[in-house]
C-alpha atoms as a PDB file:
ATOM      1  CA  LYS A   1       4.461  -4.145  16.233  1.00  0.00           C
ATOM      2  CA  ARG A   2       3.330  -7.510  17.507  1.00  0.00           C
ATOM      3  CA  ASP A   3       3.470  -9.340  14.196  1.00  0.00           C
ATOM      4  CA  SER A   4       4.812 -12.586  15.664  1.00  0.00           C
ATOM      5  CA  GLU A   5       1.893 -12.744  18.106  1.00  0.00           C
ATOM      6  CA  ALA A   6      -0.513 -11.945  15.283  1.00  0.00           C
ATOM      7  CA  GLN A   7       1.003 -14.733  13.188  1.00  0.00           C
ATOM      8  CA  ALA A   8       0.544 -17.195  16.056  1.00  0.00           C
ATOM      9  CA  LEU A   9      -3.150 -16.275  16.325  1.00  0.00           C
ATOM     10  CA  ILE A  10      -3.628 -16.487  12.571  1.00  0.00           C
ATOM     11  CA  ASP A  11      -2.030 -19.916  12.573  1.00  0.00           C
ATOM     12  CA  GLU A  12      -4.289 -20.998  15.449  1.00  0.00           C
ATOM     13  CA  TYR A  13      -7.419 -19.868  13.584  1.00  0.00           C
ATOM     14  CA  GLU A  14      -6.300 -21.008  10.147  1.00  0.00           C
ATOM     15  CA  GLU A  15      -9.699 -22.507   9.309  1.00  0.00           C
ATOM     16  CA  ASP A  16     -11.741 -19.427  10.293  1.00  0.00           C
ATOM     17  CA  ILE A  17     -13.390 -17.874   7.237  1.00  0.00           C
ATOM     18  CA  SER A  18     -14.514 -14.535   8.666  1.00  0.00           C
ATOM     19  CA  ALA A  19     -13.451 -11.166   7.276  1.00  0.00           C
ATOM     20  CA  THR A  20     -11.477 -10.543  10.451  1.00  0.00           C
ATOM     21  CA  TRP A  21      -9.086 -13.373   9.750  1.00  0.00           C
ATOM     22  CA  ALA A  22      -9.038 -13.035   5.959  1.00  0.00           C
ATOM     23  CA  TYR A  23      -8.132  -9.331   5.943  1.00  0.00           C
ATOM     24  CA  SER A  24      -5.779  -9.704   8.904  1.00  0.00           C
ATOM     25  CA  ARG A  25      -3.909 -12.501   7.100  1.00  0.00           C
ATOM     26  CA  ALA A  26      -3.528 -10.264   4.059  1.00  0.00           C
ATOM     27  CA  LEU A  27      -2.369  -7.286   6.103  1.00  0.00           C
ATOM     28  CA  LEU A  28       0.163  -9.337   8.030  1.00  0.00           C
ATOM     29  CA  ALA A  29       1.539 -10.818   4.797  1.00  0.00           C
ATOM     30  CA  PHE A  30       1.880  -7.298   3.391  1.00  0.00           C
ATOM     31  CA  ARG A  31       3.621  -6.122   6.575  1.00  0.00           C
ATOM     32  CA  LYS A  32       6.077  -9.026   6.403  1.00  0.00           C
ATOM     33  CA  HIS A  33       6.661  -9.347   2.662  1.00  0.00           C
ATOM     34  CA  GLY A  34       5.275  -6.281   0.903  1.00  0.00           C
ATOM     35  CA  ASP A  35       3.378  -6.454  -2.381  1.00  0.00           C
ATOM     36  CA  LEU A  36       4.332  -9.973  -3.398  1.00  0.00           C
ATOM     37  CA  SER A  37       2.213 -12.701  -4.962  1.00  0.00           C
ATOM     38  CA  GLN A  38       1.580 -14.378  -1.595  1.00  0.00           C
ATOM     39  CA  SER A  39       0.174 -11.221  -0.005  1.00  0.00           C
ATOM     40  CA  ARG A  40      -1.856 -10.385  -3.148  1.00  0.00           C
ATOM     41  CA  LYS A  41      -3.313 -13.901  -3.143  1.00  0.00           C
ATOM     42  CA  LEU A  42      -4.412 -13.484   0.478  1.00  0.00           C
ATOM     43  CA  LEU A  43      -5.902 -10.084  -0.328  1.00  0.00           C
ATOM     44  CA  LYS A  44      -7.904 -11.494  -3.233  1.00  0.00           C
ATOM     45  CA  ARG A  45      -9.174 -14.235  -0.935  1.00  0.00           C
ATOM     46  CA  ALA A  46     -10.212 -11.578   1.582  1.00  0.00           C
ATOM     47  CA  PHE A  47     -12.106  -9.710  -1.160  1.00  0.00           C
ATOM     48  CA  ARG A  48     -14.083 -12.886  -1.837  1.00  0.00           C
ATOM     49  CA  VAL A  49     -14.861 -13.328   1.868  1.00  0.00           C
ATOM     50  CA  ASN A  50     -16.270  -9.813   2.165  1.00  0.00           C
ATOM     51  CA  PRO A  51     -16.017  -7.377  -0.731  1.00  0.00           C
ATOM     52  CA  SER A  52     -17.428  -4.496   1.360  1.00  0.00           C
ATOM     53  CA  VAL A  53     -14.449  -4.138   3.707  1.00  0.00           C
ATOM     54  CA  PRO A  54     -12.133  -2.088   1.419  1.00  0.00           C
ATOM     55  CA  ALA A  55     -14.649   0.744   1.040  1.00  0.00           C
ATOM     56  CA  TYR A  56     -14.613   1.284   4.793  1.00  0.00           C
ATOM     57  CA  LEU A  57     -10.873   0.836   5.230  1.00  0.00           C
ATOM     58  CA  THR A  58     -10.037   3.287   2.450  1.00  0.00           C
ATOM     59  CA  GLY A  59     -12.584   5.900   3.490  1.00  0.00           C
ATOM     60  CA  ALA A  60     -14.694   5.517   0.349  1.00  0.00           C
ATOM     61  CA  LYS A  61     -17.613   4.873   2.713  1.00  0.00           C
ATOM     62  CA  PRO A  62     -17.830   6.618   6.070  1.00  0.00           C
ATOM     63  CA  LEU A  63     -17.677   4.486   9.179  1.00  0.00           C
ATOM     64  CA  PRO A  64     -20.563   4.766  11.605  1.00  0.00           C
ATOM     65  CA  THR A  65     -19.717   5.781  15.146  1.00  0.00           C
ATOM     66  CA  GLU A  66     -21.143   2.598  16.647  1.00  0.00           C
ATOM     67  CA  ALA A  67     -20.611  -1.055  15.836  1.00  0.00           C
ATOM     68  CA  PRO A  68     -23.551  -2.952  14.359  1.00  0.00           C
ATOM     69  CA  GLU A  69     -25.628  -5.057  16.727  1.00  0.00           C
ATOM     70  CA  VAL A  70     -25.945  -8.028  14.378  1.00  0.00           C
ATOM     71  CA  ILE A  71     -23.127  -9.298  12.168  1.00  0.00           C
ATOM     72  CA  GLY A  72     -23.375 -11.908   9.416  1.00  0.00           C
ATOM     73  CA  PHE A  73     -20.656 -13.567   7.397  1.00  0.00           C
ATOM     74  CA  GLY A  74     -19.909 -11.550   4.285  1.00  0.00           C
ATOM     75  CA  ASP A  75     -22.419  -8.797   4.982  1.00  0.00           C
ATOM     76  CA  GLU A  76     -22.077  -5.031   5.271  1.00  0.00           C
ATOM     77  CA  ASN A  77     -22.204  -5.189   9.060  1.00  0.00           C
ATOM     78  CA  GLU A  78     -19.243  -7.569   9.139  1.00  0.00           C
ATOM     79  CA  ALA A  79     -17.314  -5.081   6.985  1.00  0.00           C
ATOM     80  CA  ILE A  80     -18.178  -2.213   9.317  1.00  0.00           C
ATOM     81  CA  ASP A  81     -17.258  -4.242  12.390  1.00  0.00           C
ATOM     82  CA  TYR A  82     -13.883  -5.206  10.913  1.00  0.00           C
ATOM     83  CA  ALA A  83     -13.077  -1.667   9.791  1.00  0.00           C
ATOM     84  CA  LEU A  84     -14.005  -0.149  13.149  1.00  0.00           C
ATOM     85  CA  GLU A  85     -11.611  -2.520  14.875  1.00  0.00           C
ATOM     86  CA  TYR A  86      -8.712  -2.688  12.401  1.00  0.00           C
ATOM     87  CA  TYR A  87      -8.771   0.684  10.622  1.00  0.00           C
ATOM     88  CA  PRO A  88      -5.818   1.982  12.679  1.00  0.00           C
ATOM     89  CA  LEU A  89      -3.661  -1.043  11.829  1.00  0.00           C
ATOM     90  CA  TRP A  90      -4.193  -0.564   8.110  1.00  0.00           C
ATOM     91  CA  TRP A  91      -3.553   3.182   8.236  1.00  0.00           C
ATOM     92  CA  ASN A  92      -0.497   2.802  10.489  1.00  0.00           C
ATOM     93  CA  THR A  93       1.107   0.249   8.182  1.00  0.00           C
ATOM     94  CA  PRO A  94       3.028   2.259   5.576  1.00  0.00           C
ATOM     95  CA  GLY A  95       1.622   1.633   2.101  1.00  0.00           C
ATOM     96  CA  ALA A  96      -1.122  -0.783   3.194  1.00  0.00           C
ATOM     97  CA  VAL A  97      -4.135   1.355   2.285  1.00  0.00           C
ATOM     98  CA  ASP A  98      -2.620   2.303  -1.076  1.00  0.00           C
ATOM     99  CA  TRP A  99      -1.912  -1.383  -1.681  1.00  0.00           C
ATOM    100  CA  LEU A 100      -5.541  -2.189  -0.845  1.00  0.00           C
ATOM    101  CA  LYS A 101      -6.768   0.493  -3.268  1.00  0.00           C
ATOM    102  CA  ARG A 102      -4.425  -0.663  -6.046  1.00  0.00           C
ATOM    103  CA  HIS A 103      -5.556  -4.253  -5.926  1.00  0.00           C
ATOM    104  CA  ARG A 104      -9.272  -3.728  -5.385  1.00  0.00           C
END
């Protein structure tokens, strides 16, 4: 429930290309606007940044109990790291996980 603070951070790190920012941008757009073209566009961009994230967020792949030691851009470890941190936000946003599944 701190969407305005999240938006300020996203705006500050607009050029960052990590999965953290790409998926967080998409989630925030969904929280603010629902399933509109702008939020779908951001989600598709996030899929390109790291296509492994949705499997962990939706539960298709189980999350390990510990975060990976080494994380690379676009790799499986980045997906795990993001999901471990942001899983609750996705699941506590009504409709977000279903939206993710629908557009994957």
